[in-house]
Amino acid sequence: RLHAAGDLRMDSIEVPTPKSDEVLIKVHR
């Protein structure tokens, strides 16, 4: 995740929940 210009971090965040018109995709690559 990018927090500010030049500030990239690896974060632990919540898995998103899909809205009614969305799908949740497990990223392969």
PDB file of all heavy atoms in Angstrom:
ATOM      1  N   ARG A   1       0.829  -1.217   0.000  1.00  0.00           N
ATOM      2  CA  ARG A   1       0.000   0.000   0.000  1.00  0.00           C
ATOM      3  C   ARG A   1       0.859   1.261   0.000  1.00  0.00           C
ATOM      4  O   ARG A   1       1.905   1.341   0.662  1.00  0.00           O
ATOM      5  CB  ARG A   1      -0.935   0.016   1.205  1.00  0.00           C
ATOM      6  CG  ARG A   1      -1.935  -1.132   1.226  1.00  0.00           C
ATOM      7  CD  ARG A   1      -3.185  -0.772   2.022  1.00  0.00           C
ATOM      8  NE  ARG A   1      -2.877  -0.424   3.400  1.00  0.00           N
ATOM      9  CZ  ARG A   1      -3.769   0.116   4.237  1.00  0.00           C
ATOM     10  NH1 ARG A   1      -5.002   0.381   3.829  1.00  0.00           N
ATOM     11  NH2 ARG A   1      -3.431   0.390   5.489  1.00  0.00           N
ATOM     12  N   LEU A   2       0.365   2.244  -0.729  1.00  0.00           N
ATOM     13  CA  LEU A   2       0.987   3.569  -0.779  1.00  0.00           C
ATOM     14  C   LEU A   2       0.282   4.476   0.215  1.00  0.00           C
ATOM     15  O   LEU A   2      -0.934   4.656   0.152  1.00  0.00           O
ATOM     16  CB  LEU A   2       0.878   4.150  -2.190  1.00  0.00           C
ATOM     17  CG  LEU A   2       1.497   5.534  -2.394  1.00  0.00           C
ATOM     18  CD1 LEU A   2       3.011   5.464  -2.279  1.00  0.00           C
ATOM     19  CD2 LEU A   2       1.094   6.110  -3.754  1.00  0.00           C
ATOM     20  N   HIS A   3       1.060   5.061   1.133  1.00  0.00           N
ATOM     21  CA  HIS A   3       0.499   5.961   2.147  1.00  0.00           C
ATOM     22  C   HIS A   3       0.700   7.429   1.788  1.00  0.00           C
ATOM     23  O   HIS A   3      -0.092   8.284   2.171  1.00  0.00           O
ATOM     24  CB  HIS A   3       1.119   5.659   3.510  1.00  0.00           C
ATOM     25  CG  HIS A   3       0.687   4.343   4.086  1.00  0.00           C
ATOM     26  ND1 HIS A   3      -0.258   4.235   5.080  1.00  0.00           N
ATOM     27  CD2 HIS A   3       1.054   3.076   3.784  1.00  0.00           C
ATOM     28  CE1 HIS A   3      -0.452   2.955   5.380  1.00  0.00           C
ATOM     29  NE2 HIS A   3       0.339   2.233   4.609  1.00  0.00           N
ATOM     30  N   ALA A   4       1.760   7.717   1.080  1.00  0.00           N
ATOM     31  CA  ALA A   4       2.064   9.071   0.593  1.00  0.00           C
ATOM     32  C   ALA A   4       3.142   8.910  -0.462  1.00  0.00           C
ATOM     33  O   ALA A   4       3.738   7.829  -0.595  1.00  0.00           O
ATOM     34  CB  ALA A   4       2.546   9.973   1.728  1.00  0.00           C
ATOM     35  N   ALA A   5       3.377   9.960  -1.247  1.00  0.00           N
ATOM     36  CA  ALA A   5       4.407   9.873  -2.282  1.00  0.00           C
ATOM     37  C   ALA A   5       5.728   9.408  -1.670  1.00  0.00           C
ATOM     38  O   ALA A   5       6.233  10.003  -0.727  1.00  0.00           O
ATOM     39  CB  ALA A   5       4.587  11.225  -2.959  1.00  0.00           C
ATOM     40  N   GLY A   6       6.243   8.294  -2.193  1.00  0.00           N
ATOM     41  CA  GLY A   6       7.490   7.748  -1.700  1.00  0.00           C
ATOM     42  C   GLY A   6       7.358   6.861  -0.472  1.00  0.00           C
ATOM     43  O   GLY A   6       8.354   6.310  -0.002  1.00  0.00           O
ATOM     44  N   ASP A   7       6.145   6.697   0.041  1.00  0.00           N
ATOM     45  CA  ASP A   7       5.930   5.914   1.267  1.00  0.00           C
ATOM     46  C   ASP A   7       5.121   4.654   0.959  1.00  0.00           C
ATOM     47  O   ASP A   7       3.895   4.623   1.092  1.00  0.00           O
ATOM     48  CB  ASP A   7       5.213   6.779   2.307  1.00  0.00           C
ATOM     49  CG  ASP A   7       5.039   6.062   3.646  1.00  0.00           C
ATOM     50  OD1 ASP A   7       5.579   4.957   3.801  1.00  0.00           O
ATOM     51  OD2 ASP A   7       4.341   6.617   4.520  1.00  0.00           O
ATOM     52  N   LEU A   8       5.820   3.618   0.510  1.00  0.00           N
ATOM     53  CA  LEU A   8       5.212   2.322   0.215  1.00  0.00           C
ATOM     54  C   LEU A   8       5.473   1.379   1.381  1.00  0.00           C
ATOM     55  O   LEU A   8       6.587   1.316   1.900  1.00  0.00           O
ATOM     56  CB  LEU A   8       5.838   1.722  -1.051  1.00  0.00           C
ATOM     57  CG  LEU A   8       5.201   2.011  -2.399  1.00  0.00           C
ATOM     58  CD1 LEU A   8       6.082   1.435  -3.496  1.00  0.00           C
ATOM     59  CD2 LEU A   8       3.809   1.431  -2.502  1.00  0.00           C
ATOM     60  N   ARG A   9       4.435   0.620   1.756  1.00  0.00           N
ATOM     61  CA  ARG A   9       4.602  -0.304   2.878  1.00  0.00           C
ATOM     62  C   ARG A   9       3.874  -1.617   2.596  1.00  0.00           C
ATOM     63  O   ARG A   9       2.890  -1.648   1.865  1.00  0.00           O
ATOM     64  CB  ARG A   9       4.017   0.292   4.165  1.00  0.00           C
ATOM     65  CG  ARG A   9       4.478   1.678   4.530  1.00  0.00           C
ATOM     66  CD  ARG A   9       3.754   2.169   5.771  1.00  0.00           C
ATOM     67  NE  ARG A   9       3.788   3.622   5.888  1.00  0.00           N
ATOM     68  CZ  ARG A   9       3.069   4.305   6.787  1.00  0.00           C
ATOM     69  NH1 ARG A   9       2.292   3.658   7.637  1.00  0.00           N
ATOM     70  NH2 ARG A   9       3.140   5.633   6.823  1.00  0.00           N
ATOM     71  N   MET A  10       4.363  -2.674   3.205  1.00  0.00           N
ATOM     72  CA  MET A  10       3.635  -3.928   3.252  1.00  0.00           C
ATOM     73  C   MET A  10       2.803  -3.915   4.519  1.00  0.00           C
ATOM     74  O   MET A  10       3.337  -3.870   5.628  1.00  0.00           O
ATOM     75  CB  MET A  10       4.582  -5.125   3.241  1.00  0.00           C
ATOM     76  CG  MET A  10       5.375  -5.295   1.961  1.00  0.00           C
ATOM     77  SD  MET A  10       4.372  -5.416   0.440  1.00  0.00           S
ATOM     78  CE  MET A  10       3.298  -6.801   0.839  1.00  0.00           C
ATOM     79  N   ASP A  11       1.485  -3.917   4.368  1.00  0.00           N
ATOM     80  CA  ASP A  11       0.561  -3.818   5.492  1.00  0.00           C
ATOM     81  C   ASP A  11      -0.246  -5.091   5.653  1.00  0.00           C
ATOM     82  O   ASP A  11      -0.500  -5.820   4.681  1.00  0.00           O
ATOM     83  CB  ASP A  11      -0.424  -2.661   5.281  1.00  0.00           C
ATOM     84  CG  ASP A  11       0.244  -1.301   5.291  1.00  0.00           C
ATOM     85  OD1 ASP A  11       1.336  -1.181   5.891  1.00  0.00           O
ATOM     86  OD2 ASP A  11      -0.325  -0.361   4.695  1.00  0.00           O
ATOM     87  N   SER A  12      -0.673  -5.337   6.872  1.00  0.00           N
ATOM     88  CA  SER A  12      -1.659  -6.377   7.144  1.00  0.00           C
ATOM     89  C   SER A  12      -3.002  -5.679   7.325  1.00  0.00           C
ATOM     90  O   SER A  12      -3.165  -4.851   8.230  1.00  0.00           O
ATOM     91  CB  SER A  12      -1.287  -7.160   8.403  1.00  0.00           C
ATOM     92  OG  SER A  12      -2.264  -8.155   8.676  1.00  0.00           O
ATOM     93  N   ILE A  13      -3.955  -5.976   6.429  1.00  0.00           N
ATOM     94  CA  ILE A  13      -5.254  -5.313   6.456  1.00  0.00           C
ATOM     95  C   ILE A  13      -6.376  -6.346   6.373  1.00  0.00           C
ATOM     96  O   ILE A  13      -6.125  -7.529   6.130  1.00  0.00           O
ATOM     97  CB  ILE A  13      -5.395  -4.303   5.291  1.00  0.00           C
ATOM     98  CG1 ILE A  13      -5.273  -5.022   3.937  1.00  0.00           C
ATOM     99  CG2 ILE A  13      -4.352  -3.203   5.405  1.00  0.00           C
ATOM    100  CD1 ILE A  13      -5.540  -4.117   2.740  1.00  0.00           C
ATOM    101  N   GLU A  14      -7.594  -5.902   6.555  1.00  0.00           N
ATOM    102  CA  GLU A  14      -8.736  -6.801   6.488  1.00  0.00           C
ATOM    103  C   GLU A  14      -8.977  -7.266   5.053  1.00  0.00           C
ATOM    104  O   GLU A  14      -8.821  -6.491   4.101  1.00  0.00           O
ATOM    105  CB  GLU A  14      -9.994  -6.111   7.013  1.00  0.00           C
ATOM    106  CG  GLU A  14     -10.017  -5.907   8.519  1.00  0.00           C
ATOM    107  CD  GLU A  14     -11.365  -5.394   8.994  1.00  0.00           C
ATOM    108  OE1 GLU A  14     -12.309  -5.330   8.171  1.00  0.00           O
ATOM    109  OE2 GLU A  14     -11.472  -5.063  10.186  1.00  0.00           O
ATOM    110  N   VAL A  15      -9.377  -8.513   4.910  1.00  0.00           N
ATOM    111  CA  VAL A  15      -9.808  -9.019   3.605  1.00  0.00           C
ATOM    112  C   VAL A  15     -11.091  -8.301   3.221  1.00  0.00           C
ATOM    113  O   VAL A  15     -12.015  -8.211   4.034  1.00  0.00           O
ATOM    114  CB  VAL A  15     -10.046 -10.547   3.657  1.00  0.00           C
ATOM    115  CG1 VAL A  15     -10.649 -11.039   2.346  1.00  0.00           C
ATOM    116  CG2 VAL A  15      -8.743 -11.276   3.958  1.00  0.00           C
ATOM    117  N   PRO A  16     -11.180  -7.731   2.012  1.00  0.00           N
ATOM    118  CA  PRO A  16     -12.385  -6.983   1.637  1.00  0.00           C
ATOM    119  C   PRO A  16     -13.597  -7.899   1.491  1.00  0.00           C
ATOM    120  O   PRO A  16     -13.475  -9.080   1.177  1.00  0.00           O
ATOM    121  CB  PRO A  16     -12.003  -6.350   0.290  1.00  0.00           C
ATOM    122  CG  PRO A  16     -10.931  -7.243  -0.252  1.00  0.00           C
ATOM    123  CD  PRO A  16     -10.172  -7.749   0.929  1.00  0.00           C
ATOM    124  N   THR A  17     -14.761  -7.321   1.711  1.00  0.00           N
ATOM    125  CA  THR A  17     -16.028  -8.031   1.534  1.00  0.00           C
ATOM    126  C   THR A  17     -16.678  -7.532   0.254  1.00  0.00           C
ATOM    127  O   THR A  17     -16.862  -6.319   0.097  1.00  0.00           O
ATOM    128  CB  THR A  17     -16.971  -7.795   2.720  1.00  0.00           C
ATOM    129  OG1 THR A  17     -16.348  -8.261   3.914  1.00  0.00           O
ATOM    130  CG2 THR A  17     -18.300  -8.514   2.513  1.00  0.00           C
ATOM    131  N   PRO A  18     -17.019  -8.416  -0.681  1.00  0.00           N
ATOM    132  CA  PRO A  18     -17.620  -7.941  -1.932  1.00  0.00           C
ATOM    133  C   PRO A  18     -19.026  -7.376  -1.716  1.00  0.00           C
ATOM    134  O   PRO A  18     -19.813  -7.928  -0.939  1.00  0.00           O
ATOM    135  CB  PRO A  18     -17.662  -9.203  -2.802  1.00  0.00           C
ATOM    136  CG  PRO A  18     -17.680 -10.341  -1.831  1.00  0.00           C
ATOM    137  CD  PRO A  18     -16.876  -9.882  -0.657  1.00  0.00           C
ATOM    138  N   LYS A  19     -19.317  -6.269  -2.413  1.00  0.00           N
ATOM    139  CA  LYS A  19     -20.678  -5.730  -2.415  1.00  0.00           C
ATOM    140  C   LYS A  19     -21.563  -6.626  -3.273  1.00  0.00           C
ATOM    141  O   LYS A  19     -21.098  -7.588  -3.880  1.00  0.00           O
ATOM    142  CB  LYS A  19     -20.661  -4.297  -2.965  1.00  0.00           C
ATOM    143  CG  LYS A  19     -19.842  -3.320  -2.129  1.00  0.00           C
ATOM    144  CD  LYS A  19     -19.787  -1.958  -2.788  1.00  0.00           C
ATOM    145  CE  LYS A  19     -18.903  -1.001  -2.013  1.00  0.00           C
ATOM    146  NZ  LYS A  19     -18.760   0.316  -2.696  1.00  0.00           N
ATOM    147  N   SER A  20     -22.838  -6.297  -3.338  1.00  0.00           N
ATOM    148  CA  SER A  20     -23.790  -7.165  -4.043  1.00  0.00           C
ATOM    149  C   SER A  20     -23.408  -7.389  -5.499  1.00  0.00           C
ATOM    150  O   SER A  20     -23.629  -8.469  -6.042  1.00  0.00           O
ATOM    151  CB  SER A  20     -25.202  -6.577  -3.961  1.00  0.00           C
ATOM    152  OG  SER A  20     -25.255  -5.315  -4.611  1.00  0.00           O
ATOM    153  N   ASP A  21     -22.822  -6.370  -6.139  1.00  0.00           N
ATOM    154  CA  ASP A  21     -22.480  -6.476  -7.554  1.00  0.00           C
ATOM    155  C   ASP A  21     -20.995  -6.738  -7.783  1.00  0.00           C
ATOM    156  O   ASP A  21     -20.461  -6.450  -8.846  1.00  0.00           O
ATOM    157  CB  ASP A  21     -22.896  -5.198  -8.291  1.00  0.00           C
ATOM    158  CG  ASP A  21     -22.202  -3.949  -7.745  1.00  0.00           C
ATOM    159  OD1 ASP A  21     -21.584  -4.028  -6.659  1.00  0.00           O
ATOM    160  OD2 ASP A  21     -22.269  -2.896  -8.410  1.00  0.00           O
ATOM    161  N   GLU A  22     -20.316  -7.307  -6.797  1.00  0.00           N
ATOM    162  CA  GLU A  22     -18.886  -7.570  -6.892  1.00  0.00           C
ATOM    163  C   GLU A  22     -18.577  -9.033  -6.608  1.00  0.00           C
ATOM    164  O   GLU A  22     -19.420  -9.786  -6.099  1.00  0.00           O
ATOM    165  CB  GLU A  22     -18.116  -6.696  -5.887  1.00  0.00           C
ATOM    166  CG  GLU A  22     -18.170  -5.213  -6.164  1.00  0.00           C
ATOM    167  CD  GLU A  22     -17.438  -4.399  -5.112  1.00  0.00           C
ATOM    168  OE1 GLU A  22     -17.345  -4.847  -3.955  1.00  0.00           O
ATOM    169  OE2 GLU A  22     -16.957  -3.305  -5.454  1.00  0.00           O
ATOM    170  N   VAL A  23     -17.344  -9.423  -6.924  1.00  0.00           N
ATOM    171  CA  VAL A  23     -16.819 -10.730  -6.545  1.00  0.00           C
ATOM    172  C   VAL A  23     -15.515 -10.531  -5.787  1.00  0.00           C
ATOM    173  O   VAL A  23     -14.835  -9.509  -5.949  1.00  0.00           O
ATOM    174  CB  VAL A  23     -16.572 -11.638  -7.770  1.00  0.00           C
ATOM    175  CG1 VAL A  23     -17.870 -11.923  -8.495  1.00  0.00           C
ATOM    176  CG2 VAL A  23     -15.543 -11.033  -8.714  1.00  0.00           C
ATOM    177  N   LEU A  24     -15.193 -11.494  -4.954  1.00  0.00           N
ATOM    178  CA  LEU A  24     -13.911 -11.501  -4.256  1.00  0.00           C
ATOM    179  C   LEU A  24     -12.992 -12.478  -4.996  1.00  0.00           C
ATOM    180  O   LEU A  24     -13.352 -13.637  -5.222  1.00  0.00           O
ATOM    181  CB  LEU A  24     -14.084 -11.939  -2.802  1.00  0.00           C
ATOM    182  CG  LEU A  24     -12.790 -12.014  -1.967  1.00  0.00           C
ATOM    183  CD1 LEU A  24     -12.195 -10.621  -1.786  1.00  0.00           C
ATOM    184  CD2 LEU A  24     -13.062 -12.667  -0.614  1.00  0.00           C
ATOM    185  N   ILE A  25     -11.818 -11.979  -5.391  1.00  0.00           N
ATOM    186  CA  ILE A  25     -10.867 -12.773  -6.162  1.00  0.00           C
ATOM    187  C   ILE A  25      -9.624 -13.035  -5.324  1.00  0.00           C
ATOM    188  O   ILE A  25      -9.033 -12.099  -4.758  1.00  0.00           O
ATOM    189  CB  ILE A  25     -10.480 -12.035  -7.463  1.00  0.00           C
ATOM    190  CG1 ILE A  25     -11.711 -11.818  -8.336  1.00  0.00           C
ATOM    191  CG2 ILE A  25      -9.400 -12.805  -8.221  1.00  0.00           C
ATOM    192  CD1 ILE A  25     -11.464 -10.886  -9.515  1.00  0.00           C
ATOM    193  N   LYS A  26      -9.236 -14.294  -5.237  1.00  0.00           N
ATOM    194  CA  LYS A  26      -7.963 -14.646  -4.623  1.00  0.00           C
ATOM    195  C   LYS A  26      -6.899 -14.464  -5.692  1.00  0.00           C
ATOM    196  O   LYS A  26      -6.922 -15.140  -6.725  1.00  0.00           O
ATOM    197  CB  LYS A  26      -7.989 -16.094  -4.124  1.00  0.00           C
ATOM    198  CG  LYS A  26      -6.702 -16.528  -3.425  1.00  0.00           C
ATOM    199  CD  LYS A  26      -6.823 -17.949  -2.877  1.00  0.00           C
ATOM    200  CE  LYS A  26      -5.527 -18.441  -2.240  1.00  0.00           C
ATOM    201  NZ  LYS A  26      -5.111 -17.618  -1.104  1.00  0.00           N
ATOM    202  N   VAL A  27      -5.984 -13.543  -5.469  1.00  0.00           N
ATOM    203  CA  VAL A  27      -5.005 -13.188  -6.486  1.00  0.00           C
ATOM    204  C   VAL A  27      -3.985 -14.322  -6.638  1.00  0.00           C
ATOM    205  O   VAL A  27      -3.429 -14.823  -5.654  1.00  0.00           O
ATOM    206  CB  VAL A  27      -4.288 -11.871  -6.133  1.00  0.00           C
ATOM    207  CG1 VAL A  27      -3.256 -11.516  -7.198  1.00  0.00           C
ATOM    208  CG2 VAL A  27      -5.303 -10.736  -5.970  1.00  0.00           C
ATOM    209  N   HIS A  28      -3.755 -14.709  -7.880  1.00  0.00           N
ATOM    210  CA  HIS A  28      -2.738 -15.724  -8.169  1.00  0.00           C
ATOM    211  C   HIS A  28      -1.406 -15.064  -8.489  1.00  0.00           C
ATOM    212  O   HIS A  28      -0.376 -15.387  -7.903  1.00  0.00           O
ATOM    213  CB  HIS A  28      -3.179 -16.585  -9.352  1.00  0.00           C
ATOM    214  CG  HIS A  28      -2.121 -17.544  -9.820  1.00  0.00           C
ATOM    215  ND1 HIS A  28      -1.843 -18.711  -9.156  1.00  0.00           N
ATOM    216  CD2 HIS A  28      -1.242 -17.479 -10.857  1.00  0.00           C
ATOM    217  CE1 HIS A  28      -0.862 -19.352  -9.767  1.00  0.00           C
ATOM    218  NE2 HIS A  28      -0.461 -18.625 -10.805  1.00  0.00           N
ATOM    219  N   ARG A  29      -1.437 -14.122  -9.422  1.00  0.00           N
ATOM    220  CA  ARG A  29      -0.221 -13.432  -9.839  1.00  0.00           C
ATOM    221  C   ARG A  29      -0.572 -12.009 -10.240  1.00  0.00           C
ATOM    222  O   ARG A  29      -1.626 -11.765 -10.811  1.00  0.00           O
ATOM    223  CB  ARG A  29       0.453 -14.168 -10.994  1.00  0.00           C
ATOM    224  CG  ARG A  29       1.806 -13.603 -11.369  1.00  0.00           C
ATOM    225  CD  ARG A  29       2.444 -14.362 -12.516  1.00  0.00           C
ATOM    226  NE  ARG A  29       3.144 -15.564 -12.070  1.00  0.00           N
ATOM    227  CZ  ARG A  29       4.009 -16.233 -12.838  1.00  0.00           C
ATOM    228  NH1 ARG A  29       4.242 -15.827 -14.087  1.00  0.00           N
ATOM    229  NH2 ARG A  29       4.627 -17.302 -12.376  1.00  0.00           N
TER     230      ARG A  29
END
